[in-house]
């Protein structure tokens, strides 16, 4: 299984929520304490999204963690 395949469910949900909220990736990256390039690499499947990353992203988006896993 590739990194992109592992990240796909969470990355797709992150991108969808960013679009729905009308946010910019760089703003979310900053709020989650990631470099913009690192955050982009996660969403593009070039860097694994770890559980601690999911938590930081959820806090930055002000949503429950389960939402990023598609479990509302």
PDB file of N, CA and C in Angstrom:
ATOM      1  N   UNK A   1       0.853  -1.180   0.000  1.00  0.00           N
ATOM      2  CA  UNK A   1       0.000   0.000   0.000  1.00  0.00           C
ATOM      3  C   UNK A   1       0.898   1.243   0.000  1.00  0.00           C
ATOM      4  N   UNK A   2       0.579   2.178  -0.850  1.00  0.00           N
ATOM      5  CA  UNK A   2       1.384   3.402  -0.958  1.00  0.00           C
ATOM      6  C   UNK A   2       0.931   4.438   0.078  1.00  0.00           C
ATOM      7  N   UNK A   3       1.766   5.452   0.262  1.00  0.00           N
ATOM      8  CA  UNK A   3       1.415   6.539   1.179  1.00  0.00           C
ATOM      9  C   UNK A   3       0.122   7.207   0.720  1.00  0.00           C
ATOM     10  N   UNK A   4       0.011   7.448  -0.576  1.00  0.00           N
ATOM     11  CA  UNK A   4      -1.190   8.088  -1.113  1.00  0.00           C
ATOM     12  C   UNK A   4      -2.439   7.274  -0.797  1.00  0.00           C
ATOM     13  N   UNK A   5      -2.347   5.958  -0.905  1.00  0.00           N
ATOM     14  CA  UNK A   5      -3.494   5.099  -0.601  1.00  0.00           C
ATOM     15  C   UNK A   5      -3.843   5.137   0.883  1.00  0.00           C
ATOM     16  N   UNK A   6      -2.820   5.185   1.731  1.00  0.00           N
ATOM     17  CA  UNK A   6      -3.051   5.269   3.182  1.00  0.00           C
ATOM     18  C   UNK A   6      -3.697   6.599   3.558  1.00  0.00           C
ATOM     19  N   UNK A   7      -3.235   7.664   2.949  1.00  0.00           N
ATOM     20  CA  UNK A   7      -3.706   9.011   3.270  1.00  0.00           C
ATOM     21  C   UNK A   7      -5.048   9.356   2.636  1.00  0.00           C
ATOM     22  N   UNK A   8      -5.417   8.645   1.589  1.00  0.00           N
ATOM     23  CA  UNK A   8      -6.534   9.059   0.738  1.00  0.00           C
ATOM     24  C   UNK A   8      -7.812   9.428   1.494  1.00  0.00           C
ATOM     25  N   UNK A   9      -8.331   8.581   2.386  1.00  0.00           N
ATOM     26  CA  UNK A   9      -9.594   8.952   3.039  1.00  0.00           C
ATOM     27  C   UNK A   9      -9.497  10.266   3.821  1.00  0.00           C
ATOM     28  N   UNK A  10      -8.457  10.402   4.612  1.00  0.00           N
ATOM     29  CA  UNK A  10      -8.293  11.613   5.423  1.00  0.00           C
ATOM     30  C   UNK A  10      -7.986  12.813   4.529  1.00  0.00           C
ATOM     31  N   UNK A  11      -7.070  12.651   3.594  1.00  0.00           N
ATOM     32  CA  UNK A  11      -6.685  13.768   2.712  1.00  0.00           C
ATOM     33  C   UNK A  11      -7.881  14.288   1.924  1.00  0.00           C
ATOM     34  N   UNK A  12      -8.702  13.383   1.405  1.00  0.00           N
ATOM     35  CA  UNK A  12      -9.875  13.815   0.645  1.00  0.00           C
ATOM     36  C   UNK A  12     -10.851  14.585   1.523  1.00  0.00           C
ATOM     37  N   UNK A  13     -11.042  14.109   2.753  1.00  0.00           N
ATOM     38  CA  UNK A  13     -11.944  14.810   3.676  1.00  0.00           C
ATOM     39  C   UNK A  13     -11.389  16.170   4.072  1.00  0.00           C
ATOM     40  N   UNK A  14     -10.091  16.263   4.281  1.00  0.00           N
ATOM     41  CA  UNK A  14      -9.470  17.546   4.613  1.00  0.00           C
ATOM     42  C   UNK A  14      -9.681  18.531   3.470  1.00  0.00           C
ATOM     43  N   UNK A  15      -9.393  18.104   2.254  1.00  0.00           N
ATOM     44  CA  UNK A  15      -9.559  18.984   1.092  1.00  0.00           C
ATOM     45  C   UNK A  15     -11.009  19.437   0.942  1.00  0.00           C
ATOM     46  N   UNK A  16     -11.939  18.509   1.143  1.00  0.00           N
ATOM     47  CA  UNK A  16     -13.366  18.824   1.027  1.00  0.00           C
ATOM     48  C   UNK A  16     -13.776  19.862   2.073  1.00  0.00           C
ATOM     49  N   UNK A  17     -13.338  19.681   3.299  1.00  0.00           N
ATOM     50  CA  UNK A  17     -13.707  20.596   4.381  1.00  0.00           C
ATOM     51  C   UNK A  17     -13.067  21.970   4.164  1.00  0.00           C
ATOM     52  N   UNK A  18     -11.827  21.983   3.699  1.00  0.00           N
ATOM     53  CA  UNK A  18     -11.165  23.260   3.394  1.00  0.00           C
ATOM     54  C   UNK A  18     -11.969  24.013   2.337  1.00  0.00           C
ATOM     55  N   UNK A  19     -12.404  23.299   1.297  1.00  0.00           N
ATOM     56  CA  UNK A  19     -13.211  23.924   0.242  1.00  0.00           C
ATOM     57  C   UNK A  19     -14.555  24.411   0.783  1.00  0.00           C
ATOM     58  N   UNK A  20     -15.216  23.568   1.559  1.00  0.00           N
ATOM     59  CA  UNK A  20     -16.530  23.925   2.104  1.00  0.00           C
ATOM     60  C   UNK A  20     -16.463  25.160   3.001  1.00  0.00           C
ATOM     61  N   UNK A  21     -15.374  25.266   3.753  1.00  0.00           N
ATOM     62  CA  UNK A  21     -15.218  26.400   4.670  1.00  0.00           C
ATOM     63  C   UNK A  21     -14.608  27.620   3.987  1.00  0.00           C
ATOM     64  N   UNK A  22     -14.209  27.454   2.730  1.00  0.00           N
ATOM     65  CA  UNK A  22     -13.620  28.561   1.993  1.00  0.00           C
ATOM     66  C   UNK A  22     -12.265  28.995   2.524  1.00  0.00           C
ATOM     67  N   UNK A  23     -11.516  28.034   3.018  1.00  0.00           N
ATOM     68  CA  UNK A  23     -10.199  28.324   3.595  1.00  0.00           C
ATOM     69  C   UNK A  23      -9.096  28.102   2.567  1.00  0.00           C
ATOM     70  N   UNK A  24      -7.913  28.525   2.923  1.00  0.00           N
ATOM     71  CA  UNK A  24      -6.707  28.286   2.120  1.00  0.00           C
ATOM     72  C   UNK A  24      -5.871  27.236   2.855  1.00  0.00           C
ATOM     73  N   UNK A  25      -5.226  26.357   2.083  1.00  0.00           N
ATOM     74  CA  UNK A  25      -4.372  25.333   2.687  1.00  0.00           C
ATOM     75  C   UNK A  25      -3.307  25.951   3.575  1.00  0.00           C
ATOM     76  N   UNK A  26      -2.726  27.066   3.144  1.00  0.00           N
ATOM     77  CA  UNK A  26      -1.635  27.658   3.928  1.00  0.00           C
ATOM     78  C   UNK A  26      -2.120  28.152   5.281  1.00  0.00           C
ATOM     79  N   UNK A  27      -3.374  28.602   5.359  1.00  0.00           N
ATOM     80  CA  UNK A  27      -3.934  29.060   6.635  1.00  0.00           C
ATOM     81  C   UNK A  27      -4.132  27.872   7.576  1.00  0.00           C
ATOM     82  N   UNK A  28      -4.668  26.786   7.047  1.00  0.00           N
ATOM     83  CA  UNK A  28      -4.876  25.583   7.853  1.00  0.00           C
ATOM     84  C   UNK A  28      -3.532  25.018   8.299  1.00  0.00           C
ATOM     85  N   UNK A  29      -2.564  24.988   7.397  1.00  0.00           N
ATOM     86  CA  UNK A  29      -1.226  24.497   7.738  1.00  0.00           C
ATOM     87  C   UNK A  29      -0.634  25.296   8.889  1.00  0.00           C
ATOM     88  N   UNK A  30      -0.751  26.604   8.817  1.00  0.00           N
ATOM     89  CA  UNK A  30      -0.198  27.466   9.869  1.00  0.00           C
ATOM     90  C   UNK A  30      -0.892  27.216  11.205  1.00  0.00           C
ATOM     91  N   UNK A  31      -2.227  27.110  11.186  1.00  0.00           N
ATOM     92  CA  UNK A  31      -2.984  26.869  12.417  1.00  0.00           C
ATOM     93  C   UNK A  31      -2.640  25.511  13.025  1.00  0.00           C
ATOM     94  N   UNK A  32      -2.270  24.542  12.175  1.00  0.00           N
ATOM     95  CA  UNK A  32      -1.922  23.195  12.641  1.00  0.00           C
ATOM     96  C   UNK A  32      -0.428  23.067  12.945  1.00  0.00           C
ATOM     97  N   UNK A  33       0.302  24.164  12.800  1.00  0.00           N
ATOM     98  CA  UNK A  33       1.759  24.193  13.051  1.00  0.00           C
ATOM     99  C   UNK A  33       2.556  23.313  12.090  1.00  0.00           C
ATOM    100  N   UNK A  34       2.139  23.287  10.818  1.00  0.00           N
ATOM    101  CA  UNK A  34       2.886  22.590   9.777  1.00  0.00           C
ATOM    102  C   UNK A  34       3.462  23.621   8.820  1.00  0.00           C
ATOM    103  N   UNK A  35       4.581  23.289   8.220  1.00  0.00           N
ATOM    104  CA  UNK A  35       5.057  24.077   7.086  1.00  0.00           C
ATOM    105  C   UNK A  35       4.065  23.836   5.954  1.00  0.00           C
ATOM    106  N   UNK A  36       3.841  24.843   5.150  1.00  0.00           N
ATOM    107  CA  UNK A  36       2.888  24.707   4.043  1.00  0.00           C
ATOM    108  C   UNK A  36       3.281  23.547   3.132  1.00  0.00           C
ATOM    109  N   UNK A  37       4.574  23.408   2.873  1.00  0.00           N
ATOM    110  CA  UNK A  37       5.036  22.328   1.990  1.00  0.00           C
ATOM    111  C   UNK A  37       4.782  20.956   2.600  1.00  0.00           C
ATOM    112  N   UNK A  38       4.938  20.832   3.904  1.00  0.00           N
ATOM    113  CA  UNK A  38       4.695  19.548   4.573  1.00  0.00           C
ATOM    114  C   UNK A  38       3.209  19.189   4.527  1.00  0.00           C
ATOM    115  N   UNK A  39       2.365  20.178   4.769  1.00  0.00           N
ATOM    116  CA  UNK A  39       0.917  19.955   4.741  1.00  0.00           C
ATOM    117  C   UNK A  39       0.479  19.551   3.335  1.00  0.00           C
ATOM    118  N   UNK A  40       0.985  20.242   2.342  1.00  0.00           N
ATOM    119  CA  UNK A  40       0.661  19.908   0.962  1.00  0.00           C
ATOM    120  C   UNK A  40       1.134  18.501   0.621  1.00  0.00           C
ATOM    121  N   UNK A  41       2.315  18.128   1.101  1.00  0.00           N
ATOM    122  CA  UNK A  41       2.839  16.780   0.843  1.00  0.00           C
ATOM    123  C   UNK A  41       1.929  15.714   1.448  1.00  0.00           C
ATOM    124  N   UNK A  42       1.353  15.992   2.618  1.00  0.00           N
ATOM    125  CA  UNK A  42       0.405  15.050   3.234  1.00  0.00           C
ATOM    126  C   UNK A  42      -0.835  14.897   2.358  1.00  0.00           C
ATOM    127  N   UNK A  43      -1.372  16.013   1.908  1.00  0.00           N
ATOM    128  CA  UNK A  43      -2.602  15.977   1.121  1.00  0.00           C
ATOM    129  C   UNK A  43      -2.388  15.373  -0.264  1.00  0.00           C
ATOM    130  N   UNK A  44      -1.158  15.446  -0.775  1.00  0.00           N
ATOM    131  CA  UNK A  44      -0.848  14.895  -2.095  1.00  0.00           C
ATOM    132  C   UNK A  44      -0.313  13.468  -2.035  1.00  0.00           C
ATOM    133  N   UNK A  45      -0.177  12.903  -0.827  1.00  0.00           N
ATOM    134  CA  UNK A  45       0.264  11.518  -0.687  1.00  0.00           C
ATOM    135  C   UNK A  45       1.763  11.318  -0.764  1.00  0.00           C
ATOM    136  N   UNK A  46       2.518  12.374  -0.506  1.00  0.00           N
ATOM    137  CA  UNK A  46       3.977  12.250  -0.514  1.00  0.00           C
ATOM    138  C   UNK A  46       4.544  12.130   0.908  1.00  0.00           C
ATOM    139  N   UNK A  47       3.714  12.359   1.906  1.00  0.00           N
ATOM    140  CA  UNK A  47       4.127  12.254   3.302  1.00  0.00           C
ATOM    141  C   UNK A  47       2.964  11.652   4.085  1.00  0.00           C
ATOM    142  N   UNK A  48       3.269  10.668   4.918  1.00  0.00           N
ATOM    143  CA  UNK A  48       2.229   9.976   5.676  1.00  0.00           C
ATOM    144  C   UNK A  48       1.547  10.934   6.657  1.00  0.00           C
ATOM    145  N   UNK A  49       0.246  10.797   6.796  1.00  0.00           N
ATOM    146  CA  UNK A  49      -0.505  11.560   7.791  1.00  0.00           C
ATOM    147  C   UNK A  49      -0.593  10.695   9.040  1.00  0.00           C
ATOM    148  N   UNK A  50       0.114  11.099  10.081  1.00  0.00           N
ATOM    149  CA  UNK A  50       0.133  10.353  11.340  1.00  0.00           C
ATOM    150  C   UNK A  50      -1.071  10.741  12.193  1.00  0.00           C
ATOM    151  N   UNK A  51      -1.440   9.891  13.155  1.00  0.00           N
ATOM    152  CA  UNK A  51      -2.575  10.221  14.027  1.00  0.00           C
ATOM    153  C   UNK A  51      -2.436  11.582  14.716  1.00  0.00           C
ATOM    154  N   UNK A  52      -1.224  11.933  15.134  1.00  0.00           N
ATOM    155  CA  UNK A  52      -1.037  13.246  15.769  1.00  0.00           C
ATOM    156  C   UNK A  52      -1.257  14.373  14.768  1.00  0.00           C
ATOM    157  N   UNK A  53      -0.966  14.125  13.493  1.00  0.00           N
ATOM    158  CA  UNK A  53      -1.221  15.114  12.441  1.00  0.00           C
ATOM    159  C   UNK A  53      -2.725  15.297  12.246  1.00  0.00           C
ATOM    160  N   UNK A  54      -3.458  14.189  12.269  1.00  0.00           N
ATOM    161  CA  UNK A  54      -4.913  14.254  12.098  1.00  0.00           C
ATOM    162  C   UNK A  54      -5.518  15.097  13.217  1.00  0.00           C
ATOM    163  N   UNK A  55      -5.039  14.903  14.433  1.00  0.00           N
ATOM    164  CA  UNK A  55      -5.543  15.675  15.569  1.00  0.00           C
ATOM    165  C   UNK A  55      -5.275  17.168  15.362  1.00  0.00           C
ATOM    166  N   UNK A  56      -4.071  17.512  14.950  1.00  0.00           N
ATOM    167  CA  UNK A  56      -3.712  18.922  14.732  1.00  0.00           C
ATOM    168  C   UNK A  56      -4.554  19.534  13.612  1.00  0.00           C
ATOM    169  N   UNK A  57      -4.780  18.776  12.553  1.00  0.00           N
ATOM    170  CA  UNK A  57      -5.582  19.271  11.428  1.00  0.00           C
ATOM    171  C   UNK A  57      -7.034  19.492  11.875  1.00  0.00           C
ATOM    172  N   UNK A  58      -7.576  18.537  12.627  1.00  0.00           N
ATOM    173  CA  UNK A  58      -8.949  18.666  13.111  1.00  0.00           C
ATOM    174  C   UNK A  58      -9.099  19.907  13.986  1.00  0.00           C
ATOM    175  N   UNK A  59      -8.127  20.146  14.857  1.00  0.00           N
ATOM    176  CA  UNK A  59      -8.180  21.341  15.707  1.00  0.00           C
ATOM    177  C   UNK A  59      -8.096  22.607  14.857  1.00  0.00           C
ATOM    178  N   UNK A  60      -7.246  22.605  13.865  1.00  0.00           N
ATOM    179  CA  UNK A  60      -7.106  23.774  12.988  1.00  0.00           C
ATOM    180  C   UNK A  60      -8.393  24.053  12.215  1.00  0.00           C
ATOM    181  N   UNK A  61      -9.094  22.990  11.833  1.00  0.00           N
ATOM    182  CA  UNK A  61     -10.348  23.134  11.093  1.00  0.00           C
ATOM    183  C   UNK A  61     -11.553  23.310  12.020  1.00  0.00           C
ATOM    184  N   UNK A  62     -11.311  23.150  13.327  1.00  0.00           N
ATOM    185  CA  UNK A  62     -12.366  23.266  14.343  1.00  0.00           C
ATOM    186  C   UNK A  62     -13.499  22.266  14.105  1.00  0.00           C
ATOM    187  N   UNK A  63     -13.078  21.011  13.916  1.00  0.00           N
ATOM    188  CA  UNK A  63     -14.025  19.920  13.699  1.00  0.00           C
ATOM    189  C   UNK A  63     -13.588  18.718  14.529  1.00  0.00           C
ATOM    190  N   UNK A  64     -14.497  17.750  14.770  1.00  0.00           N
ATOM    191  CA  UNK A  64     -14.100  16.538  15.471  1.00  0.00           C
ATOM    192  C   UNK A  64     -13.160  15.680  14.608  1.00  0.00           C
ATOM    193  N   UNK A  65     -12.256  14.986  15.260  1.00  0.00           N
ATOM    194  CA  UNK A  65     -11.300  14.118  14.555  1.00  0.00           C
ATOM    195  C   UNK A  65     -12.031  13.097  13.690  1.00  0.00           C
ATOM    196  N   UNK A  66     -13.107  12.533  14.207  1.00  0.00           N
ATOM    197  CA  UNK A  66     -13.846  11.495  13.465  1.00  0.00           C
ATOM    198  C   UNK A  66     -14.325  11.980  12.109  1.00  0.00           C
ATOM    199  N   UNK A  67     -14.582  13.265  11.975  1.00  0.00           N
ATOM    200  CA  UNK A  67     -15.023  13.811  10.701  1.00  0.00           C
ATOM    201  C   UNK A  67     -13.966  13.603   9.614  1.00  0.00           C
ATOM    202  N   UNK A  68     -12.699  13.716   9.991  1.00  0.00           N
ATOM    203  CA  UNK A  68     -11.625  13.515   9.011  1.00  0.00           C
ATOM    204  C   UNK A  68     -11.522  12.058   8.573  1.00  0.00           C
ATOM    205  N   UNK A  69     -11.970  11.147   9.443  1.00  0.00           N
ATOM    206  CA  UNK A  69     -11.970   9.733   9.080  1.00  0.00           C
ATOM    207  C   UNK A  69     -13.287   9.339   8.391  1.00  0.00           C
ATOM    208  N   UNK A  70     -14.188  10.316   8.198  1.00  0.00           N
ATOM    209  CA  UNK A  70     -15.448  10.046   7.534  1.00  0.00           C
ATOM    210  C   UNK A  70     -16.464   9.372   8.429  1.00  0.00           C
ATOM    211  N   UNK A  71     -16.299   9.531   9.743  1.00  0.00           N
ATOM    212  CA  UNK A  71     -17.202   8.885  10.699  1.00  0.00           C
ATOM    213  C   UNK A  71     -17.893   9.956  11.533  1.00  0.00           C
ATOM    214  N   UNK A  72     -18.939  10.518  10.981  1.00  0.00           N
ATOM    215  CA  UNK A  72     -19.683  11.570  11.693  1.00  0.00           C
ATOM    216  C   UNK A  72     -20.640  11.018  12.702  1.00  0.00           C
TER     217      UNK A  72
END
